[in-house]
PDB file of all heavy atoms in Angstrom:
ATOM      1  N   ASP A   1      64.897  59.845 137.526  1.00  0.00           N
ATOM      2  CA  ASP A   1      65.699  59.541 136.332  1.00  0.00           C
ATOM      3  C   ASP A   1      66.623  60.691 135.932  1.00  0.00           C
ATOM      4  O   ASP A   1      67.426  60.545 135.010  1.00  0.00           O
ATOM      5  CB  ASP A   1      64.788  59.184 135.156  1.00  0.00           C
ATOM      6  CG  ASP A   1      64.006  57.905 135.399  1.00  0.00           C
ATOM      7  OD1 ASP A   1      64.500  57.050 136.159  1.00  0.00           O
ATOM      8  OD2 ASP A   1      62.893  57.764 134.847  1.00  0.00           O
ATOM      9  N   ILE A   2      66.495  61.845 136.568  1.00  0.00           N
ATOM     10  CA  ILE A   2      67.394  62.974 136.281  1.00  0.00           C
ATOM     11  C   ILE A   2      68.683  62.736 137.060  1.00  0.00           C
ATOM     12  O   ILE A   2      68.713  62.848 138.284  1.00  0.00           O
ATOM     13  CB  ILE A   2      66.762  64.318 136.701  1.00  0.00           C
ATOM     14  CG1 ILE A   2      65.417  64.530 136.020  1.00  0.00           C
ATOM     15  CG2 ILE A   2      67.731  65.481 136.467  1.00  0.00           C
ATOM     16  CD1 ILE A   2      65.404  65.232 134.727  1.00  0.00           C
ATOM     17  N   LYS A   3      69.743  62.412 136.363  1.00  0.00           N
ATOM     18  CA  LYS A   3      70.994  62.025 137.031  1.00  0.00           C
ATOM     19  C   LYS A   3      72.056  63.129 137.046  1.00  0.00           C
ATOM     20  O   LYS A   3      73.028  63.043 137.779  1.00  0.00           O
ATOM     21  CB  LYS A   3      71.601  60.787 136.347  1.00  0.00           C
ATOM     22  CG  LYS A   3      70.658  59.590 136.237  1.00  0.00           C
ATOM     23  CD  LYS A   3      70.237  59.046 137.580  1.00  0.00           C
ATOM     24  CE  LYS A   3      69.433  57.758 137.411  1.00  0.00           C
ATOM     25  NZ  LYS A   3      68.779  57.347 138.657  1.00  0.00           N
ATOM     26  N   ILE A   4      71.873  64.162 136.216  1.00  0.00           N
ATOM     27  CA  ILE A   4      72.923  65.194 136.131  1.00  0.00           C
ATOM     28  C   ILE A   4      72.897  66.085 137.381  1.00  0.00           C
ATOM     29  O   ILE A   4      71.866  66.181 138.059  1.00  0.00           O
ATOM     30  CB  ILE A   4      72.774  66.046 134.848  1.00  0.00           C
ATOM     31  CG1 ILE A   4      71.405  66.743 134.801  1.00  0.00           C
ATOM     32  CG2 ILE A   4      73.023  65.223 133.602  1.00  0.00           C
ATOM     33  CD1 ILE A   4      71.257  67.711 133.651  1.00  0.00           C
ATOM     34  N   PRO A   5      74.021  66.752 137.696  1.00  0.00           N
ATOM     35  CA  PRO A   5      74.037  67.669 138.843  1.00  0.00           C
ATOM     36  C   PRO A   5      72.926  68.720 138.704  1.00  0.00           C
ATOM     37  O   PRO A   5      72.779  69.341 137.643  1.00  0.00           O
ATOM     38  CB  PRO A   5      75.425  68.318 138.757  1.00  0.00           C
ATOM     39  CG  PRO A   5      76.251  67.352 137.990  1.00  0.00           C
ATOM     40  CD  PRO A   5      75.323  66.689 137.019  1.00  0.00           C
ATOM     41  N   THR A   6      72.166  68.881 139.774  1.00  0.00           N
ATOM     42  CA  THR A   6      71.001  69.776 139.737  1.00  0.00           C
ATOM     43  C   THR A   6      71.045  70.741 140.912  1.00  0.00           C
ATOM     44  O   THR A   6      71.207  70.340 142.062  1.00  0.00           O
ATOM     45  CB  THR A   6      69.693  68.963 139.781  1.00  0.00           C
ATOM     46  OG1 THR A   6      69.660  68.083 138.638  1.00  0.00           O
ATOM     47  CG2 THR A   6      68.473  69.870 139.733  1.00  0.00           C
ATOM     48  N   LEU A   7      70.911  72.019 140.585  1.00  0.00           N
ATOM     49  CA  LEU A   7      70.872  73.080 141.594  1.00  0.00           C
ATOM     50  C   LEU A   7      69.428  73.567 141.729  1.00  0.00           C
ATOM     51  O   LEU A   7      68.782  73.889 140.728  1.00  0.00           O
ATOM     52  CB  LEU A   7      71.788  74.234 141.162  1.00  0.00           C
ATOM     53  CG  LEU A   7      71.817  75.464 142.071  1.00  0.00           C
ATOM     54  CD1 LEU A   7      72.454  75.130 143.419  1.00  0.00           C
ATOM     55  CD2 LEU A   7      72.580  76.607 141.393  1.00  0.00           C
ATOM     56  N   LEU A   8      68.941  73.622 142.954  1.00  0.00           N
ATOM     57  CA  LEU A   8      67.588  74.115 143.235  1.00  0.00           C
ATOM     58  C   LEU A   8      67.721  75.398 144.043  1.00  0.00           C
ATOM     59  O   LEU A   8      68.328  75.404 145.117  1.00  0.00           O
ATOM     60  CB  LEU A   8      66.801  73.079 144.036  1.00  0.00           C
ATOM     61  CG  LEU A   8      66.751  71.664 143.439  1.00  0.00           C
ATOM     62  CD1 LEU A   8      66.273  70.651 144.461  1.00  0.00           C
ATOM     63  CD2 LEU A   8      65.855  71.636 142.197  1.00  0.00           C
ATOM     64  N   VAL A   9      67.188  76.501 143.509  1.00  0.00           N
ATOM     65  CA  VAL A   9      67.245  77.790 144.211  1.00  0.00           C
ATOM     66  C   VAL A   9      65.815  78.288 144.382  1.00  0.00           C
ATOM     67  O   VAL A   9      65.117  78.535 143.398  1.00  0.00           O
ATOM     68  CB  VAL A   9      68.092  78.833 143.441  1.00  0.00           C
ATOM     69  CG1 VAL A   9      68.242  80.098 144.283  1.00  0.00           C
ATOM     70  CG2 VAL A   9      69.461  78.276 143.066  1.00  0.00           C
ATOM     71  N   TRP A  10      65.408  78.423 145.642  1.00  0.00           N
ATOM     72  CA  TRP A  10      64.005  78.748 145.931  1.00  0.00           C
ATOM     73  C   TRP A  10      63.892  79.995 146.802  1.00  0.00           C
ATOM     74  O   TRP A  10      64.700  80.217 147.698  1.00  0.00           O
ATOM     75  CB  TRP A  10      63.350  77.581 146.674  1.00  0.00           C
ATOM     76  CG  TRP A  10      62.217  76.982 145.907  1.00  0.00           C
ATOM     77  CD1 TRP A  10      60.879  77.135 146.165  1.00  0.00           C
ATOM     78  CD2 TRP A  10      62.296  76.138 144.759  1.00  0.00           C
ATOM     79  NE1 TRP A  10      60.130  76.444 145.240  1.00  0.00           N
ATOM     80  CE2 TRP A  10      60.984  75.820 144.360  1.00  0.00           C
ATOM     81  CE3 TRP A  10      63.359  75.635 144.007  1.00  0.00           C
ATOM     82  CZ2 TRP A  10      60.695  75.015 143.263  1.00  0.00           C
ATOM     83  CZ3 TRP A  10      63.087  74.835 142.915  1.00  0.00           C
ATOM     84  CH2 TRP A  10      61.760  74.534 142.553  1.00  0.00           C
ATOM     85  N   GLY A  11      62.884  80.805 146.532  1.00  0.00           N
ATOM     86  CA  GLY A  11      62.556  81.921 147.410  1.00  0.00           C
ATOM     87  C   GLY A  11      61.805  81.399 148.632  1.00  0.00           C
ATOM     88  O   GLY A  11      60.837  80.646 148.488  1.00  0.00           O
ATOM     89  N   LEU A  12      62.241  81.806 149.810  1.00  0.00           N
ATOM     90  CA  LEU A  12      61.567  81.354 151.044  1.00  0.00           C
ATOM     91  C   LEU A  12      60.137  81.875 151.129  1.00  0.00           C
ATOM     92  O   LEU A  12      59.321  81.340 151.880  1.00  0.00           O
ATOM     93  CB  LEU A  12      62.352  81.826 152.271  1.00  0.00           C
ATOM     94  CG  LEU A  12      63.370  80.848 152.863  1.00  0.00           C
ATOM     95  CD1 LEU A  12      64.106  81.489 154.031  1.00  0.00           C
ATOM     96  CD2 LEU A  12      62.702  79.547 153.307  1.00  0.00           C
ATOM     97  N   ASN A  13      59.838  82.919 150.363  1.00  0.00           N
ATOM     98  CA  ASN A  13      58.508  83.530 150.411  1.00  0.00           C
ATOM     99  C   ASN A  13      57.726  83.307 149.119  1.00  0.00           C
ATOM    100  O   ASN A  13      56.800  84.045 148.814  1.00  0.00           O
ATOM    101  CB  ASN A  13      58.651  85.025 150.700  1.00  0.00           C
ATOM    102  CG  ASN A  13      59.555  85.283 151.891  1.00  0.00           C
ATOM    103  OD1 ASN A  13      60.761  85.461 151.720  1.00  0.00           O
ATOM    104  ND2 ASN A  13      59.011  85.260 153.089  1.00  0.00           N
ATOM    105  N   ASP A  14      58.111  82.260 148.385  1.00  0.00           N
ATOM    106  CA  ASP A  14      57.420  81.899 147.141  1.00  0.00           C
ATOM    107  C   ASP A  14      56.034  81.352 147.482  1.00  0.00           C
ATOM    108  O   ASP A  14      55.908  80.361 148.194  1.00  0.00           O
ATOM    109  CB  ASP A  14      58.249  80.839 146.404  1.00  0.00           C
ATOM    110  CG  ASP A  14      57.711  80.502 145.013  1.00  0.00           C
ATOM    111  OD1 ASP A  14      56.551  80.843 144.723  1.00  0.00           O
ATOM    112  OD2 ASP A  14      58.463  79.890 144.236  1.00  0.00           O
ATOM    113  N   THR A  15      54.992  82.015 146.988  1.00  0.00           N
ATOM    114  CA  THR A  15      53.620  81.538 147.241  1.00  0.00           C
ATOM    115  C   THR A  15      53.052  80.758 146.050  1.00  0.00           C
ATOM    116  O   THR A  15      51.982  80.170 146.145  1.00  0.00           O
ATOM    117  CB  THR A  15      52.676  82.719 147.563  1.00  0.00           C
ATOM    118  OG1 THR A  15      52.703  83.639 146.470  1.00  0.00           O
ATOM    119  CG2 THR A  15      53.084  83.424 148.847  1.00  0.00           C
ATOM    120  N   VAL A  16      53.764  80.780 144.927  1.00  0.00           N
ATOM    121  CA  VAL A  16      53.302  80.056 143.728  1.00  0.00           C
ATOM    122  C   VAL A  16      53.780  78.604 143.791  1.00  0.00           C
ATOM    123  O   VAL A  16      53.004  77.659 143.638  1.00  0.00           O
ATOM    124  CB  VAL A  16      53.798  80.751 142.433  1.00  0.00           C
ATOM    125  CG1 VAL A  16      53.280  80.006 141.203  1.00  0.00           C
ATOM    126  CG2 VAL A  16      53.345  82.212 142.392  1.00  0.00           C
ATOM    127  N   THR A  17      55.093  78.424 143.981  1.00  0.00           N
ATOM    128  CA  THR A  17      55.662  77.091 144.244  1.00  0.00           C
ATOM    129  C   THR A  17      56.367  77.203 145.603  1.00  0.00           C
ATOM    130  O   THR A  17      57.557  77.514 145.650  1.00  0.00           O
ATOM    131  CB  THR A  17      56.664  76.671 143.135  1.00  0.00           C
ATOM    132  OG1 THR A  17      57.602  77.739 142.927  1.00  0.00           O
ATOM    133  CG2 THR A  17      55.958  76.365 141.834  1.00  0.00           C
ATOM    134  N   PRO A  18      55.646  76.983 146.697  1.00  0.00           N
ATOM    135  CA  PRO A  18      56.191  77.236 148.041  1.00  0.00           C
ATOM    136  C   PRO A  18      57.456  76.425 148.335  1.00  0.00           C
ATOM    137  O   PRO A  18      57.772  75.470 147.610  1.00  0.00           O
ATOM    138  CB  PRO A  18      55.036  76.811 148.957  1.00  0.00           C
ATOM    139  CG  PRO A  18      53.812  76.854 148.105  1.00  0.00           C
ATOM    140  CD  PRO A  18      54.258  76.514 146.721  1.00  0.00           C
ATOM    141  N   PRO A  19      58.190  76.809 149.399  1.00  0.00           N
ATOM    142  CA  PRO A  19      59.451  76.138 149.735  1.00  0.00           C
ATOM    143  C   PRO A  19      59.356  74.619 149.809  1.00  0.00           C
ATOM    144  O   PRO A  19      60.306  73.924 149.443  1.00  0.00           O
ATOM    145  CB  PRO A  19      59.812  76.743 151.100  1.00  0.00           C
ATOM    146  CG  PRO A  19      59.221  78.112 151.065  1.00  0.00           C
ATOM    147  CD  PRO A  19      57.948  77.973 150.292  1.00  0.00           C
ATOM    148  N   MET A  20      58.230  74.093 150.245  1.00  0.00           N
ATOM    149  CA  MET A  20      58.097  72.625 150.340  1.00  0.00           C
ATOM    150  C   MET A  20      58.196  71.959 148.960  1.00  0.00           C
ATOM    151  O   MET A  20      58.553  70.789 148.852  1.00  0.00           O
ATOM    152  CB  MET A  20      56.799  72.224 151.057  1.00  0.00           C
ATOM    153  CG  MET A  20      55.517  72.674 150.403  1.00  0.00           C
ATOM    154  SD  MET A  20      54.849  71.466 149.255  1.00  0.00           S
ATOM    155  CE  MET A  20      53.252  72.184 148.853  1.00  0.00           C
ATOM    156  N   VAL A  21      57.904  72.723 147.898  1.00  0.00           N
ATOM    157  CA  VAL A  21      58.055  72.185 146.537  1.00  0.00           C
ATOM    158  C   VAL A  21      59.542  71.983 146.238  1.00  0.00           C
ATOM    159  O   VAL A  21      59.953  70.958 145.693  1.00  0.00           O
ATOM    160  CB  VAL A  21      57.396  73.107 145.488  1.00  0.00           C
ATOM    161  CG1 VAL A  21      57.592  72.552 144.079  1.00  0.00           C
ATOM    162  CG2 VAL A  21      55.915  73.286 145.773  1.00  0.00           C
ATOM    163  N   GLY A  22      60.367  72.969 146.616  1.00  0.00           N
ATOM    164  CA  GLY A  22      61.815  72.828 146.453  1.00  0.00           C
ATOM    165  C   GLY A  22      62.338  71.629 147.233  1.00  0.00           C
ATOM    166  O   GLY A  22      63.190  70.871 146.743  1.00  0.00           O
ATOM    167  N   GLU A  23      61.803  71.434 148.434  1.00  0.00           N
ATOM    168  CA  GLU A  23      62.233  70.295 149.269  1.00  0.00           C
ATOM    169  C   GLU A  23      61.847  68.965 148.622  1.00  0.00           C
ATOM    170  O   GLU A  23      62.606  67.991 148.681  1.00  0.00           O
ATOM    171  CB  GLU A  23      61.632  70.426 150.673  1.00  0.00           C
ATOM    172  CG  GLU A  23      62.300  71.526 151.481  1.00  0.00           C
ATOM    173  CD  GLU A  23      61.512  71.955 152.709  1.00  0.00           C
ATOM    174  OE1 GLU A  23      60.418  71.399 152.952  1.00  0.00           O
ATOM    175  OE2 GLU A  23      62.000  72.853 153.429  1.00  0.00           O
ATOM    176  N   GLU A  24      60.689  68.940 147.987  1.00  0.00           N
ATOM    177  CA  GLU A  24      60.234  67.712 147.315  1.00  0.00           C
ATOM    178  C   GLU A  24      61.105  67.410 146.098  1.00  0.00           C
ATOM    179  O   GLU A  24      61.473  66.254 145.851  1.00  0.00           O
ATOM    180  CB  GLU A  24      58.754  67.859 146.913  1.00  0.00           C
ATOM    181  CG  GLU A  24      58.073  66.578 146.483  1.00  0.00           C
ATOM    182  CD  GLU A  24      58.005  65.497 147.572  1.00  0.00           C
ATOM    183  OE1 GLU A  24      58.133  65.815 148.768  1.00  0.00           O
ATOM    184  OE2 GLU A  24      57.848  64.321 147.196  1.00  0.00           O
ATOM    185  N   PHE A  25      61.455  68.448 145.326  1.00  0.00           N
ATOM    186  CA  PHE A  25      62.386  68.263 144.205  1.00  0.00           C
ATOM    187  C   PHE A  25      63.714  67.687 144.716  1.00  0.00           C
ATOM    188  O   PHE A  25      64.288  66.793 144.095  1.00  0.00           O
ATOM    189  CB  PHE A  25      62.653  69.596 143.483  1.00  0.00           C
ATOM    190  CG  PHE A  25      61.672  69.931 142.387  1.00  0.00           C
ATOM    191  CD1 PHE A  25      60.848  71.050 142.475  1.00  0.00           C
ATOM    192  CD2 PHE A  25      61.575  69.140 141.249  1.00  0.00           C
ATOM    193  CE1 PHE A  25      59.944  71.361 141.464  1.00  0.00           C
ATOM    194  CE2 PHE A  25      60.686  69.447 140.226  1.00  0.00           C
ATOM    195  CZ  PHE A  25      59.862  70.562 140.340  1.00  0.00           C
ATOM    196  N   LYS A  26      64.196  68.213 145.847  1.00  0.00           N
ATOM    197  CA  LYS A  26      65.460  67.750 146.431  1.00  0.00           C
ATOM    198  C   LYS A  26      65.380  66.258 146.777  1.00  0.00           C
ATOM    199  O   LYS A  26      66.325  65.500 146.557  1.00  0.00           O
ATOM    200  CB  LYS A  26      65.762  68.596 147.683  1.00  0.00           C
ATOM    201  CG  LYS A  26      66.921  68.090 148.541  1.00  0.00           C
ATOM    202  CD  LYS A  26      68.251  68.485 147.933  1.00  0.00           C
ATOM    203  CE  LYS A  26      69.429  68.088 148.786  1.00  0.00           C
ATOM    204  NZ  LYS A  26      69.713  66.667 148.825  1.00  0.00           N
ATOM    205  N   LYS A  27      64.239  65.816 147.307  1.00  0.00           N
ATOM    206  CA  LYS A  27      64.064  64.399 147.671  1.00  0.00           C
ATOM    207  C   LYS A  27      64.061  63.508 146.433  1.00  0.00           C
ATOM    208  O   LYS A  27      64.570  62.389 146.463  1.00  0.00           O
ATOM    209  CB  LYS A  27      62.719  64.210 148.398  1.00  0.00           C
ATOM    210  CG  LYS A  27      62.755  64.482 149.879  1.00  0.00           C
ATOM    211  CD  LYS A  27      61.404  64.116 150.489  1.00  0.00           C
ATOM    212  CE  LYS A  27      61.098  65.034 151.654  1.00  0.00           C
ATOM    213  NZ  LYS A  27      59.680  65.022 152.020  1.00  0.00           N
ATOM    214  N   LEU A  28      63.467  64.000 145.354  1.00  0.00           N
ATOM    215  CA  LEU A  28      63.239  63.160 144.173  1.00  0.00           C
ATOM    216  C   LEU A  28      64.411  63.141 143.189  1.00  0.00           C
ATOM    217  O   LEU A  28      64.637  62.137 142.521  1.00  0.00           O
ATOM    218  CB  LEU A  28      61.962  63.608 143.451  1.00  0.00           C
ATOM    219  CG  LEU A  28      60.649  63.302 144.193  1.00  0.00           C
ATOM    220  CD1 LEU A  28      59.491  64.064 143.570  1.00  0.00           C
ATOM    221  CD2 LEU A  28      60.360  61.807 144.181  1.00  0.00           C
TER     222      LEU A  28
END
């Protein structure tokens, strides 16, 4: 339901919210 332009910036070495979390946000 989030329709506005969204930028996702993730650290490749993030151990708290790992890169796959950024990828999941991108899908949704």
